C-alpha atoms as a PDB file:
ATOM      1  CA  MET A   1      -0.043   0.055   0.041  1.00  0.00           C
ATOM      2  CA  PRO A   2       1.334   3.347  -0.990  1.00  0.00           C
ATOM      3  CA  GLY A   3       2.132   5.841   1.935  1.00  0.00           C
ATOM      4  CA  ARG A   4      -0.833   8.245   2.818  1.00  0.00           C
ATOM      5  CA  ILE A   5      -0.322  11.939   2.887  1.00  0.00           C
ATOM      6  CA  GLY A   6      -2.773  14.398   4.344  1.00  0.00           C
ATOM      7  CA  LEU A   7      -3.194  17.879   2.830  1.00  0.00           C
ATOM      8  CA  TYR A   8      -4.550  20.471   5.312  1.00  0.00           C
ATOM      9  CA  GLY A   9      -5.178  23.930   3.847  1.00  0.00           C
ATOM     10  CA  GLY A  10      -6.509  27.264   5.123  1.00  0.00           C
ATOM     11  CA  SER A  11      -5.388  30.630   6.337  1.00  0.00           C
ATOM     12  CA  PHE A  12      -4.314  29.476   9.740  1.00  0.00           C
ATOM     13  CA  ASP A  13      -4.585  33.124  11.015  1.00  0.00           C
ATOM     14  CA  PRO A  14      -3.506  32.176  13.732  1.00  0.00           C
ATOM     15  CA  ILE A  15      -3.192  28.342  13.924  1.00  0.00           C
ATOM     16  CA  HIS A  16      -4.721  27.116  17.071  1.00  0.00           C
ATOM     17  CA  THR A  17      -4.988  24.043  19.296  1.00  0.00           C
ATOM     18  CA  ALA A  18      -8.099  22.857  17.338  1.00  0.00           C
ATOM     19  CA  HIS A  19      -6.094  22.630  14.032  1.00  0.00           C
ATOM     20  CA  LEU A  20      -3.364  20.530  15.863  1.00  0.00           C
ATOM     21  CA  VAL A  21      -5.774  18.212  17.709  1.00  0.00           C
ATOM     22  CA  ILE A  22      -7.709  17.692  14.211  1.00  0.00           C
ATOM     23  CA  ALA A  23      -4.523  17.080  12.412  1.00  0.00           C
ATOM     24  CA  SER A  24      -3.107  14.666  15.137  1.00  0.00           C
ATOM     25  CA  LEU A  25      -6.200  12.729  15.424  1.00  0.00           C
ATOM     26  CA  LEU A  26      -6.801  12.472  11.738  1.00  0.00           C
ATOM     27  CA  SER A  27      -3.258  11.304  11.113  1.00  0.00           C
ATOM     28  CA  GLN A  28      -3.817   8.574  13.459  1.00  0.00           C
ATOM     29  CA  GLU A  29      -7.392   7.426  12.436  1.00  0.00           C
ATOM     30  CA  PHE A  30      -6.508   7.480   8.828  1.00  0.00           C
ATOM     31  CA  GLY A  31      -2.974   6.216   9.147  1.00  0.00           C
ATOM     32  CA  LEU A  32      -1.248   9.164   7.576  1.00  0.00           C
ATOM     33  CA  GLU A  33       2.624   9.091   7.207  1.00  0.00           C
ATOM     34  CA  LYS A  34       2.955  12.900   6.936  1.00  0.00           C
ATOM     35  CA  LEU A  35       0.320  15.773   7.157  1.00  0.00           C
ATOM     36  CA  TYR A  36       1.073  19.048   5.366  1.00  0.00           C
ATOM     37  CA  PHE A  37      -0.288  22.206   6.668  1.00  0.00           C
ATOM     38  CA  ILE A  38      -0.744  24.410   3.637  1.00  0.00           C
ATOM     39  CA  PRO A  39      -1.306  28.127   4.343  1.00  0.00           C
ATOM     40  CA  ASN A  40      -3.047  30.088   1.552  1.00  0.00           C
ATOM     41  CA  TYR A  41      -1.587  33.344   0.313  1.00  0.00           C
ATOM     42  CA  ALA A  42      -4.995  34.391  -0.174  1.00  0.00           C
ATOM     43  CA  SER A  43      -8.369  32.434  -0.557  1.00  0.00           C
ATOM     44  CA  PRO A  44      -9.973  32.268  -3.791  1.00  0.00           C
ATOM     45  CA  PHE A  45     -13.286  32.285  -1.938  1.00  0.00           C
ATOM     46  CA  LYS A  46     -12.949  35.420   0.051  1.00  0.00           C
ATOM     47  CA  ILE A  47     -12.705  38.835  -1.595  1.00  0.00           C
ATOM     48  CA  ASN A  48     -10.905  41.522   0.265  1.00  0.00           C
ATOM     49  CA  ASN A  49      -9.479  38.869   2.670  1.00  0.00           C
ATOM     50  CA  ASN A  50      -8.054  40.692   5.663  1.00  0.00           C
ATOM     51  CA  VAL A  51      -5.498  37.919   6.630  1.00  0.00           C
ATOM     52  CA  SER A  52      -2.141  38.568   8.313  1.00  0.00           C
ATOM     53  CA  ASP A  53       1.033  38.892   6.272  1.00  0.00           C
ATOM     54  CA  ILE A  54       1.896  35.428   4.967  1.00  0.00           C
ATOM     55  CA  HIS A  55       5.237  35.654   6.803  1.00  0.00           C
ATOM     56  CA  HIS A  56       3.757  35.824  10.146  1.00  0.00           C
ATOM     57  CA  ARG A  57       1.371  32.840   9.412  1.00  0.00           C
ATOM     58  CA  LEU A  58       4.047  30.634   8.135  1.00  0.00           C
ATOM     59  CA  LYS A  59       6.241  31.731  11.313  1.00  0.00           C
ATOM     60  CA  MET A  60       3.332  30.573  13.644  1.00  0.00           C
ATOM     61  CA  ILE A  61       2.816  27.349  11.771  1.00  0.00           C
ATOM     62  CA  GLU A  62       6.536  26.742  12.094  1.00  0.00           C
ATOM     63  CA  LEU A  63       6.439  27.317  15.999  1.00  0.00           C
ATOM     64  CA  ALA A  64       3.342  25.209  16.270  1.00  0.00           C
ATOM     65  CA  ILE A  65       4.486  22.232  14.727  1.00  0.00           C
ATOM     66  CA  LYS A  66       8.165  22.509  15.545  1.00  0.00           C
ATOM     67  CA  ASP A  67       8.258  19.361  17.788  1.00  0.00           C
ATOM     68  CA  SER A  68       6.090  17.100  15.536  1.00  0.00           C
ATOM     69  CA  HIS A  69       7.525  14.616  13.189  1.00  0.00           C
ATOM     70  CA  GLU A  70       3.942  13.758  11.725  1.00  0.00           C
ATOM     71  CA  PHE A  71       3.443  17.246  10.580  1.00  0.00           C
ATOM     72  CA  GLU A  72       5.364  19.407   7.922  1.00  0.00           C
ATOM     73  CA  LEU A  73       4.906  22.858   6.608  1.00  0.00           C
ATOM     74  CA  CYS A  74       4.333  23.439   2.916  1.00  0.00           C
ATOM     75  CA  THR A  75       4.947  26.876   1.313  1.00  0.00           C
ATOM     76  CA  PHE A  76       3.787  26.081  -2.274  1.00  0.00           C
ATOM     77  CA  GLU A  77       0.599  28.344  -1.883  1.00  0.00           C
ATOM     78  CA  ALA A  78       2.248  31.072  -0.012  1.00  0.00           C
ATOM     79  CA  ASP A  79       5.229  31.128  -2.559  1.00  0.00           C
ATOM     80  CA  MET A  80       2.662  31.682  -5.582  1.00  0.00           C
ATOM     81  CA  LYS A  81       1.804  35.079  -3.903  1.00  0.00           C
ATOM     82  CA  ARG A  82      -1.648  34.885  -5.209  1.00  0.00           C
ATOM     83  CA  ALA A  83      -4.904  32.795  -4.786  1.00  0.00           C
ATOM     84  CA  VAL A  84      -4.321  29.232  -5.505  1.00  0.00           C
ATOM     85  CA  TYR A  85      -6.807  26.782  -6.370  1.00  0.00           C
ATOM     86  CA  THR A  86      -6.986  23.366  -4.645  1.00  0.00           C
ATOM     87  CA  TYR A  87      -6.411  21.589  -7.793  1.00  0.00           C
ATOM     88  CA  GLU A  88      -3.096  23.262  -8.391  1.00  0.00           C
ATOM     89  CA  THR A  89      -2.133  22.184  -4.950  1.00  0.00           C
ATOM     90  CA  VAL A  90      -3.116  18.686  -5.713  1.00  0.00           C
ATOM     91  CA  ASP A  91      -1.013  18.825  -9.001  1.00  0.00           C
ATOM     92  CA  HIS A  92       1.910  20.096  -6.948  1.00  0.00           C
ATOM     93  CA  PHE A  93       1.837  16.957  -4.465  1.00  0.00           C
ATOM     94  CA  MET A  94       1.153  14.558  -7.249  1.00  0.00           C
ATOM     95  CA  ASN A  95       4.453  15.843  -8.848  1.00  0.00           C
ATOM     96  CA  ILE A  96       6.537  15.581  -5.354  1.00  0.00           C
ATOM     97  CA  CYS A  97       4.759  12.753  -3.972  1.00  0.00           C
ATOM     98  CA  PRO A  98       4.354  10.164  -7.025  1.00  0.00           C
ATOM     99  CA  GLY A  99       2.850   6.967  -5.870  1.00  0.00           C
ATOM    100  CA  LYS A 100       1.554   8.386  -2.642  1.00  0.00           C
ATOM    101  CA  GLU A 101      -2.152   8.528  -1.694  1.00  0.00           C
ATOM    102  CA  LEU A 102      -3.266  12.102  -1.246  1.00  0.00           C
ATOM    103  CA  ASN A 103      -5.989  12.846   1.274  1.00  0.00           C
ATOM    104  CA  LEU A 104      -7.507  16.233   1.285  1.00  0.00           C
ATOM    105  CA  ILE A 105      -8.971  17.160   4.842  1.00  0.00           C
ATOM    106  CA  LEU A 106     -12.007  19.318   4.750  1.00  0.00           C
ATOM    107  CA  GLY A 107     -14.651  20.496   7.177  1.00  0.00           C
ATOM    108  CA  TYR A 108     -18.212  19.964   6.464  1.00  0.00           C
ATOM    109  CA  ASP A 109     -18.606  23.665   5.380  1.00  0.00           C
ATOM    110  CA  SER A 110     -16.286  23.081   2.589  1.00  0.00           C
ATOM    111  CA  LEU A 111     -17.754  19.560   1.825  1.00  0.00           C
ATOM    112  CA  ILE A 112     -21.259  21.264   1.073  1.00  0.00           C
ATOM    113  CA  ASN A 113     -19.692  23.716  -1.449  1.00  0.00           C
ATOM    114  CA  PHE A 114     -17.223  21.380  -3.053  1.00  0.00           C
ATOM    115  CA  LYS A 115     -18.826  21.071  -6.167  1.00  0.00           C
ATOM    116  CA  LYS A 116     -18.301  24.870  -6.632  1.00  0.00           C
ATOM    117  CA  TRP A 117     -14.578  24.452  -6.480  1.00  0.00           C
ATOM    118  CA  LYS A 118     -12.644  25.159  -9.770  1.00  0.00           C
ATOM    119  CA  ASN A 119     -11.752  21.672 -11.393  1.00  0.00           C
ATOM    120  CA  PHE A 120     -13.506  19.866  -8.584  1.00  0.00           C
ATOM    121  CA  GLN A 121     -13.673  16.684 -10.587  1.00  0.00           C
ATOM    122  CA  HIS A 122      -9.953  16.604 -11.085  1.00  0.00           C
ATOM    123  CA  ILE A 123      -9.570  16.969  -7.336  1.00  0.00           C
ATOM    124  CA  LEU A 124     -11.764  13.934  -6.815  1.00  0.00           C
ATOM    125  CA  ASP A 125     -10.086  12.031  -9.250  1.00  0.00           C
ATOM    126  CA  ASN A 126      -6.829  12.309  -7.479  1.00  0.00           C
ATOM    127  CA  VAL A 127      -7.274  12.577  -3.783  1.00  0.00           C
ATOM    128  CA  LYS A 128      -9.538  11.101  -1.203  1.00  0.00           C
ATOM    129  CA  ILE A 129     -11.411  13.406   1.004  1.00  0.00           C
ATOM    130  CA  ILE A 130     -11.309  13.106   4.559  1.00  0.00           C
ATOM    131  CA  VAL A 131     -14.007  15.271   6.820  1.00  0.00           C
ATOM    132  CA  ALA A 132     -13.241  16.397  10.199  1.00  0.00           C
ATOM    133  CA  GLY A 133     -15.736  16.993  12.862  1.00  0.00           C
ATOM    134  CA  ARG A 134     -19.499  16.034  12.858  1.00  0.00           C
ATOM    135  CA  PRO A 135     -22.326  17.537  10.476  1.00  0.00           C
ATOM    136  CA  ASP A 136     -24.391  20.257  11.598  1.00  0.00           C
ATOM    137  CA  THR A 137     -27.779  19.111  12.663  1.00  0.00           C
ATOM    138  CA  SER A 138     -29.379  21.041   9.912  1.00  0.00           C
ATOM    139  CA  CYS A 139     -27.256  18.944   7.163  1.00  0.00           C
ATOM    140  CA  ASN A 140     -28.574  15.861   5.962  1.00  0.00           C
ATOM    141  CA  SER A 141     -26.595  13.220   4.042  1.00  0.00           C
ATOM    142  CA  THR A 142     -28.160  14.198   0.693  1.00  0.00           C
ATOM    143  CA  ASP A 143     -26.194  17.594   1.086  1.00  0.00           C
ATOM    144  CA  PHE A 144     -23.185  15.777   0.482  1.00  0.00           C
ATOM    145  CA  GLN A 145     -22.846  14.232  -3.031  1.00  0.00           C
ATOM    146  CA  VAL A 146     -18.947  13.925  -2.828  1.00  0.00           C
ATOM    147  CA  SER A 147     -17.486  10.661  -1.807  1.00  0.00           C
ATOM    148  CA  HIS A 148     -15.728  11.222   1.618  1.00  0.00           C
ATOM    149  CA  SER A 149     -14.551   9.442   4.862  1.00  0.00           C
ATOM    150  CA  LEU A 150     -15.851  10.856   7.998  1.00  0.00           C
ATOM    151  CA  SER A 151     -13.719  10.873  11.042  1.00  0.00           C
ATOM    152  CA  ARG A 152     -15.377   8.747  13.807  1.00  0.00           C
ATOM    153  CA  ILE A 153     -12.948  10.048  16.536  1.00  0.00           C
ATOM    154  CA  CYS A 154     -12.423  13.894  15.675  1.00  0.00           C
ATOM    155  CA  PRO A 155     -14.457  15.942  17.996  1.00  0.00           C
ATOM    156  CA  LEU A 156     -16.510  19.121  16.939  1.00  0.00           C
ATOM    157  CA  MET A 157     -14.195  21.989  18.337  1.00  0.00           C
ATOM    158  CA  GLY A 158     -15.740  25.444  18.737  1.00  0.00           C
ATOM    159  CA  ILE A 159     -12.353  27.155  18.424  1.00  0.00           C
ATOM    160  CA  SER A 160     -12.043  29.709  15.493  1.00  0.00           C
ATOM    161  CA  SER A 161      -9.241  31.922  14.179  1.00  0.00           C
ATOM    162  CA  THR A 162     -11.736  34.639  13.737  1.00  0.00           C
ATOM    163  CA  GLN A 163     -12.655  34.383  17.602  1.00  0.00           C
ATOM    164  CA  ILE A 164      -9.080  34.230  18.545  1.00  0.00           C
ATOM    165  CA  ARG A 165      -8.050  37.539  16.599  1.00  0.00           C
ATOM    166  CA  LYS A 166     -11.248  39.237  18.232  1.00  0.00           C
ATOM    167  CA  MET A 167     -10.018  38.340  21.622  1.00  0.00           C
ATOM    168  CA  ALA A 168      -6.453  39.133  21.092  1.00  0.00           C
ATOM    169  CA  ALA A 169      -7.435  42.806  19.702  1.00  0.00           C
ATOM    170  CA  LYS A 170      -9.520  43.039  22.887  1.00  0.00           C
ATOM    171  CA  LYS A 171      -6.308  41.980  24.848  1.00  0.00           C
ATOM    172  CA  ILE A 172      -7.966  39.069  26.274  1.00  0.00           C
ATOM    173  CA  ASP A 173      -5.480  36.355  27.085  1.00  0.00           C
ATOM    174  CA  ILE A 174      -5.678  33.556  24.454  1.00  0.00           C
ATOM    175  CA  LYS A 175      -3.551  31.081  26.368  1.00  0.00           C
ATOM    176  CA  TYR A 176      -4.698  27.340  25.782  1.00  0.00           C
ATOM    177  CA  LEU A 177      -6.390  28.543  22.537  1.00  0.00           C
ATOM    178  CA  VAL A 178      -2.760  28.687  20.730  1.00  0.00           C
ATOM    179  CA  ILE A 179       0.237  27.244  21.915  1.00  0.00           C
ATOM    180  CA  ASP A 180       2.561  29.354  24.029  1.00  0.00           C
ATOM    181  CA  GLU A 181       5.024  30.104  21.483  1.00  0.00           C
ATOM    182  CA  VAL A 182       2.448  31.177  19.085  1.00  0.00           C
ATOM    183  CA  ARG A 183       0.827  33.403  21.780  1.00  0.00           C
ATOM    184  CA  ASP A 184       4.178  34.920  22.465  1.00  0.00           C
ATOM    185  CA  TYR A 185       4.797  35.477  18.643  1.00  0.00           C
ATOM    186  CA  ILE A 186       1.451  37.339  18.344  1.00  0.00           C
ATOM    187  CA  LYS A 187       2.136  39.550  21.297  1.00  0.00           C
ATOM    188  CA  ASP A 188       5.722  40.316  20.178  1.00  0.00           C
ATOM    189  CA  ASN A 189       4.751  41.124  16.646  1.00  0.00           C
ATOM    190  CA  GLY A 190       1.660  43.165  17.721  1.00  0.00           C
ATOM    191  CA  LEU A 191      -0.660  41.072  15.609  1.00  0.00           C
ATOM    192  CA  TYR A 192      -4.434  41.454  15.621  1.00  0.00           C
ATOM    193  CA  HIS A 193      -4.455  45.012  17.404  1.00  0.00           C
END
């Protein structure tokens, strides 16, 4: 069986403990030999996206995963300095990881809208979809017309980067929401104020 690789994209502004818990549990549950955190330079879905400068987000991810052998930072999308579509990232990993099984990690919100993604069929033809968390009670199984594997152990975690940014802006301590090194980096660099 080929090695299994996880692709976990997002803005990670900032990366927080829920990202890390989800990544760890999915790596274990689905036997991923490596999980790549892939911060986007800009989201193709968000107009006027007010995200922190990419170098800050990259540094926070580096700090958050520095002690983990199972996680790795991928700068492919960041290096493009533009919005990168997921199919482009899939093609990148197909080139650098030939013969590996690619697994795209999504939340339910992304799965619902997946067929609106550019070249979604190309993505489906080349990766397996892993869904973290549990469905919203307002969702039903017919909403998801995309083949996917649902995590059976990944908890629904009510932590969001938006919430953390708002708290940091109000000078509320974000201890335990982000790892200490990320918290210190946010404070030392005056992010979110």
